[in-house]
N, C-alpha and C. Protein backbone atom coordinates (compact mmCIF):
# COMPACT_ATOMS: atom_id res chain seq x y z
N MET A 1 14.34 1.45 4.45
CA MET A 1 12.94 1.44 4.83
C MET A 1 12.61 2.76 5.52
N VAL A 2 11.47 3.30 5.16
CA VAL A 2 10.99 4.55 5.75
C VAL A 2 9.64 4.28 6.38
N LYS A 3 9.44 4.81 7.58
CA LYS A 3 8.16 4.68 8.26
C LYS A 3 7.51 6.05 8.34
N ALA A 4 6.25 6.08 8.00
CA ALA A 4 5.48 7.33 8.08
C ALA A 4 4.54 7.28 9.26
N ARG A 5 4.29 8.44 9.86
CA ARG A 5 3.39 8.52 11.02
C ARG A 5 1.93 8.53 10.63
N ASP A 6 1.64 8.94 9.38
CA ASP A 6 0.26 9.03 8.93
C ASP A 6 0.22 8.93 7.41
N GLY A 7 -0.99 8.88 6.87
CA GLY A 7 -1.14 8.71 5.43
C GLY A 7 -0.57 9.86 4.62
N GLN A 8 -0.75 11.07 5.09
CA GLN A 8 -0.23 12.23 4.37
C GLN A 8 1.29 12.17 4.29
N GLU A 9 1.93 11.82 5.39
CA GLU A 9 3.38 11.71 5.40
C GLU A 9 3.84 10.57 4.47
N ALA A 10 3.09 9.48 4.43
CA ALA A 10 3.43 8.36 3.54
C ALA A 10 3.42 8.82 2.08
N VAL A 11 2.42 9.59 1.71
CA VAL A 11 2.33 10.10 0.34
C VAL A 11 3.50 11.03 0.06
N GLU A 12 3.82 11.90 0.99
CA GLU A 12 4.94 12.84 0.81
C GLU A 12 6.26 12.08 0.65
N TYR A 13 6.50 11.08 1.50
CA TYR A 13 7.71 10.26 1.38
C TYR A 13 7.76 9.56 0.03
N ALA A 14 6.64 9.00 -0.41
CA ALA A 14 6.61 8.27 -1.67
C ALA A 14 6.96 9.18 -2.85
N HIS A 15 6.44 10.40 -2.84
CA HIS A 15 6.75 11.34 -3.91
C HIS A 15 8.21 11.74 -3.89
N LYS A 16 8.77 11.86 -2.71
CA LYS A 16 10.16 12.29 -2.56
C LYS A 16 11.14 11.15 -2.82
N ASP A 17 10.88 9.97 -2.24
CA ASP A 17 11.85 8.88 -2.25
C ASP A 17 11.63 7.83 -3.34
N LYS A 18 10.45 7.77 -3.95
CA LYS A 18 10.11 6.78 -4.97
C LYS A 18 10.52 5.36 -4.54
N PRO A 19 9.89 4.83 -3.50
CA PRO A 19 10.26 3.49 -3.00
C PRO A 19 9.92 2.40 -4.01
N ASP A 20 10.54 1.23 -3.82
CA ASP A 20 10.26 0.09 -4.69
C ASP A 20 8.90 -0.52 -4.41
N LEU A 21 8.41 -0.35 -3.17
CA LEU A 21 7.15 -0.95 -2.75
C LEU A 21 6.65 -0.19 -1.53
N ILE A 22 5.33 -0.12 -1.38
CA ILE A 22 4.73 0.56 -0.23
C ILE A 22 3.81 -0.42 0.48
N ILE A 23 3.98 -0.53 1.79
CA ILE A 23 3.03 -1.27 2.64
C ILE A 23 2.37 -0.23 3.52
N ILE A 24 1.05 -0.14 3.43
CA ILE A 24 0.35 0.93 4.13
C ILE A 24 -0.88 0.37 4.84
N ASP A 25 -1.13 0.89 6.02
CA ASP A 25 -2.30 0.48 6.79
C ASP A 25 -3.51 1.27 6.30
N VAL A 26 -4.67 0.70 6.47
CA VAL A 26 -5.90 1.41 6.10
C VAL A 26 -6.22 2.49 7.13
N THR A 27 -6.10 2.15 8.40
CA THR A 27 -6.49 3.06 9.47
C THR A 27 -5.29 3.89 9.93
N MET A 28 -5.27 5.16 9.48
CA MET A 28 -4.20 6.09 9.84
C MET A 28 -4.79 7.48 10.00
N PRO A 29 -4.11 8.33 10.77
CA PRO A 29 -4.59 9.71 10.89
C PRO A 29 -4.29 10.52 9.63
N LYS A 30 -4.94 11.63 9.51
CA LYS A 30 -4.82 12.63 8.44
C LYS A 30 -5.29 12.14 7.09
N MET A 31 -4.87 10.96 6.66
CA MET A 31 -5.28 10.40 5.37
C MET A 31 -5.23 8.89 5.52
N ASN A 32 -6.37 8.22 5.32
CA ASN A 32 -6.37 6.77 5.50
C ASN A 32 -5.69 6.07 4.32
N GLY A 33 -5.51 4.77 4.43
CA GLY A 33 -4.81 4.01 3.41
C GLY A 33 -5.50 4.02 2.05
N PHE A 34 -6.83 4.03 2.05
CA PHE A 34 -7.57 4.11 0.79
C PHE A 34 -7.28 5.43 0.09
N GLU A 35 -7.36 6.52 0.85
CA GLU A 35 -7.12 7.86 0.29
C GLU A 35 -5.67 8.00 -0.19
N ALA A 36 -4.74 7.49 0.61
CA ALA A 36 -3.32 7.57 0.24
C ALA A 36 -3.06 6.78 -1.04
N THR A 37 -3.65 5.60 -1.14
CA THR A 37 -3.48 4.77 -2.34
C THR A 37 -4.03 5.49 -3.56
N LYS A 38 -5.21 6.06 -3.45
CA LYS A 38 -5.80 6.81 -4.57
C LYS A 38 -4.90 7.98 -4.97
N GLU A 39 -4.38 8.68 -3.98
CA GLU A 39 -3.49 9.82 -4.25
C GLU A 39 -2.22 9.35 -4.98
N LEU A 40 -1.63 8.26 -4.51
CA LEU A 40 -0.42 7.75 -5.14
C LEU A 40 -0.68 7.27 -6.58
N ARG A 41 -1.83 6.68 -6.80
CA ARG A 41 -2.17 6.19 -8.14
C ARG A 41 -2.49 7.34 -9.10
N SER A 42 -2.85 8.49 -8.56
CA SER A 42 -3.25 9.61 -9.42
C SER A 42 -2.07 10.40 -9.97
N LYS A 43 -0.88 10.14 -9.48
CA LYS A 43 0.31 10.88 -9.93
C LYS A 43 1.22 9.97 -10.74
N LEU A 44 1.66 10.45 -11.87
CA LEU A 44 2.48 9.65 -12.78
C LEU A 44 3.72 9.08 -12.11
N GLU A 45 4.38 9.88 -11.28
CA GLU A 45 5.66 9.44 -10.68
C GLU A 45 5.49 8.36 -9.61
N THR A 46 4.29 8.17 -9.10
CA THR A 46 4.07 7.13 -8.08
C THR A 46 3.04 6.07 -8.50
N ALA A 47 2.48 6.21 -9.67
CA ALA A 47 1.39 5.33 -10.11
C ALA A 47 1.80 3.87 -10.25
N VAL A 48 3.06 3.60 -10.53
CA VAL A 48 3.49 2.22 -10.77
C VAL A 48 4.14 1.55 -9.56
N ILE A 49 4.25 2.27 -8.45
CA ILE A 49 4.83 1.67 -7.24
C ILE A 49 3.83 0.65 -6.68
N PRO A 50 4.27 -0.61 -6.48
CA PRO A 50 3.36 -1.60 -5.89
C PRO A 50 2.93 -1.18 -4.49
N ILE A 51 1.65 -1.37 -4.20
CA ILE A 51 1.10 -1.00 -2.89
C ILE A 51 0.38 -2.20 -2.28
N ILE A 52 0.75 -2.53 -1.05
CA ILE A 52 0.06 -3.55 -0.27
C ILE A 52 -0.65 -2.86 0.87
N LEU A 53 -1.96 -3.06 0.97
CA LEU A 53 -2.71 -2.58 2.13
C LEU A 53 -2.63 -3.68 3.18
N LEU A 54 -2.08 -3.37 4.34
CA LEU A 54 -1.94 -4.30 5.45
C LEU A 54 -2.83 -3.77 6.57
N THR A 55 -3.87 -4.53 6.90
CA THR A 55 -4.89 -3.97 7.78
C THR A 55 -5.58 -5.00 8.65
N GLY A 56 -6.19 -4.53 9.70
CA GLY A 56 -6.99 -5.38 10.56
C GLY A 56 -8.42 -5.53 10.05
N ARG A 57 -8.78 -4.77 9.02
CA ARG A 57 -10.14 -4.85 8.46
C ARG A 57 -10.26 -6.10 7.60
N GLN A 58 -11.12 -7.00 8.06
CA GLN A 58 -11.25 -8.28 7.36
C GLN A 58 -12.55 -8.41 6.57
N ASP A 59 -13.31 -7.33 6.45
CA ASP A 59 -14.57 -7.41 5.72
C ASP A 59 -14.35 -7.26 4.22
N LYS A 60 -15.20 -7.90 3.45
CA LYS A 60 -15.09 -7.92 2.00
C LYS A 60 -15.20 -6.51 1.41
N GLU A 61 -16.06 -5.69 2.00
CA GLU A 61 -16.25 -4.32 1.50
C GLU A 61 -14.94 -3.52 1.55
N SER A 62 -14.20 -3.64 2.65
CA SER A 62 -12.93 -2.93 2.76
C SER A 62 -11.91 -3.46 1.76
N GLU A 63 -11.88 -4.77 1.59
CA GLU A 63 -10.95 -5.36 0.62
C GLU A 63 -11.25 -4.85 -0.79
N LEU A 64 -12.51 -4.86 -1.16
CA LEU A 64 -12.90 -4.37 -2.48
C LEU A 64 -12.61 -2.88 -2.63
N ARG A 65 -12.83 -2.13 -1.57
CA ARG A 65 -12.52 -0.69 -1.60
C ARG A 65 -11.02 -0.46 -1.79
N GLY A 66 -10.20 -1.33 -1.17
CA GLY A 66 -8.75 -1.22 -1.34
C GLY A 66 -8.32 -1.47 -2.78
N PHE A 67 -8.87 -2.52 -3.39
CA PHE A 67 -8.54 -2.80 -4.78
C PHE A 67 -9.06 -1.70 -5.70
N ASP A 68 -10.24 -1.18 -5.39
CA ASP A 68 -10.80 -0.08 -6.17
C ASP A 68 -9.92 1.17 -6.08
N ALA A 69 -9.29 1.37 -4.94
CA ALA A 69 -8.40 2.52 -4.75
C ALA A 69 -7.10 2.36 -5.55
N GLY A 70 -6.79 1.09 -5.91
CA GLY A 70 -5.59 0.86 -6.71
C GLY A 70 -4.54 -0.02 -6.04
N ALA A 71 -4.85 -0.60 -4.89
CA ALA A 71 -3.89 -1.46 -4.21
C ALA A 71 -3.60 -2.70 -5.05
N ASP A 72 -2.37 -3.16 -5.00
CA ASP A 72 -1.98 -4.38 -5.70
C ASP A 72 -2.32 -5.63 -4.89
N ASP A 73 -2.37 -5.48 -3.57
CA ASP A 73 -2.68 -6.61 -2.70
C ASP A 73 -3.31 -6.08 -1.42
N TYR A 74 -4.01 -6.97 -0.73
CA TYR A 74 -4.71 -6.62 0.51
C TYR A 74 -4.46 -7.76 1.48
N VAL A 75 -3.75 -7.48 2.56
CA VAL A 75 -3.37 -8.51 3.54
C VAL A 75 -3.95 -8.12 4.89
N THR A 76 -4.62 -9.08 5.54
CA THR A 76 -5.23 -8.78 6.83
C THR A 76 -4.35 -9.26 7.99
N LYS A 77 -4.46 -8.54 9.09
CA LYS A 77 -3.77 -8.88 10.33
C LYS A 77 -4.67 -9.79 11.15
N PRO A 78 -4.13 -10.71 11.89
CA PRO A 78 -2.71 -11.06 11.91
C PRO A 78 -2.33 -11.73 10.60
N PHE A 79 -1.09 -11.55 10.21
CA PHE A 79 -0.63 -12.10 8.93
C PHE A 79 0.51 -13.07 9.16
N ASP A 80 0.70 -13.95 8.19
CA ASP A 80 1.81 -14.90 8.21
C ASP A 80 3.00 -14.22 7.53
N ALA A 81 4.11 -14.12 8.23
CA ALA A 81 5.28 -13.40 7.72
C ALA A 81 5.80 -14.00 6.42
N ASP A 82 5.83 -15.32 6.32
CA ASP A 82 6.32 -15.97 5.09
C ASP A 82 5.40 -15.65 3.92
N ASN A 83 4.10 -15.64 4.16
CA ASN A 83 3.14 -15.32 3.13
C ASN A 83 3.30 -13.87 2.66
N LEU A 84 3.47 -12.95 3.61
CA LEU A 84 3.65 -11.54 3.26
C LEU A 84 4.94 -11.37 2.46
N LEU A 85 6.01 -12.02 2.87
CA LEU A 85 7.28 -11.92 2.15
C LEU A 85 7.13 -12.45 0.72
N ALA A 86 6.41 -13.54 0.54
CA ALA A 86 6.18 -14.10 -0.79
C ALA A 86 5.41 -13.11 -1.66
N ARG A 87 4.42 -12.43 -1.08
CA ARG A 87 3.64 -11.44 -1.82
C ARG A 87 4.51 -10.25 -2.21
N ILE A 88 5.38 -9.83 -1.31
CA ILE A 88 6.30 -8.72 -1.59
C ILE A 88 7.22 -9.10 -2.75
N LYS A 89 7.81 -10.28 -2.68
CA LYS A 89 8.71 -10.74 -3.74
C LYS A 89 8.00 -10.81 -5.08
N MET A 90 6.76 -11.30 -5.08
CA MET A 90 5.99 -11.41 -6.31
C MET A 90 5.75 -10.03 -6.93
N LEU A 91 5.39 -9.06 -6.11
CA LEU A 91 5.12 -7.71 -6.62
C LEU A 91 6.40 -7.05 -7.14
N LEU A 92 7.53 -7.29 -6.46
CA LEU A 92 8.79 -6.71 -6.91
C LEU A 92 9.25 -7.35 -8.22
N ARG A 93 9.04 -8.67 -8.37
CA ARG A 93 9.37 -9.33 -9.64
C ARG A 93 8.52 -8.78 -10.77
N ARG A 94 7.24 -8.59 -10.50
CA ARG A 94 6.33 -8.06 -11.52
C ARG A 94 6.75 -6.65 -11.94
N LYS A 95 7.21 -5.87 -10.98
CA LYS A 95 7.63 -4.49 -11.27
C LYS A 95 8.86 -4.46 -12.17
N GLU A 96 9.74 -5.45 -12.02
CA GLU A 96 10.98 -5.49 -12.79
C GLU A 96 10.74 -5.75 -14.27
N ARG A 97 9.62 -6.31 -14.62
CA ARG A 97 9.36 -6.68 -16.03
C ARG A 97 9.12 -5.51 -16.89
């Protein structure tokens, strides 16, 4: 597991390490989660990595903006750990196909 301090660093790590899945917050310095997701989706080497936006933003507009950016899932805080784990497993199974 790798933790990034901001959205730009998250994108850099993803390009370098090619993780199996990315969980990213919407509210981050330098590059927010929407921008980072769009950037990751725009590059062939990171376009297929599952992305979960995990955020405190509970409004419908933000959720729709996240999906429009290319997120595979949108989870709001506070979150249920079992539910998040189930979503992670589902995305990883889908990626294996």
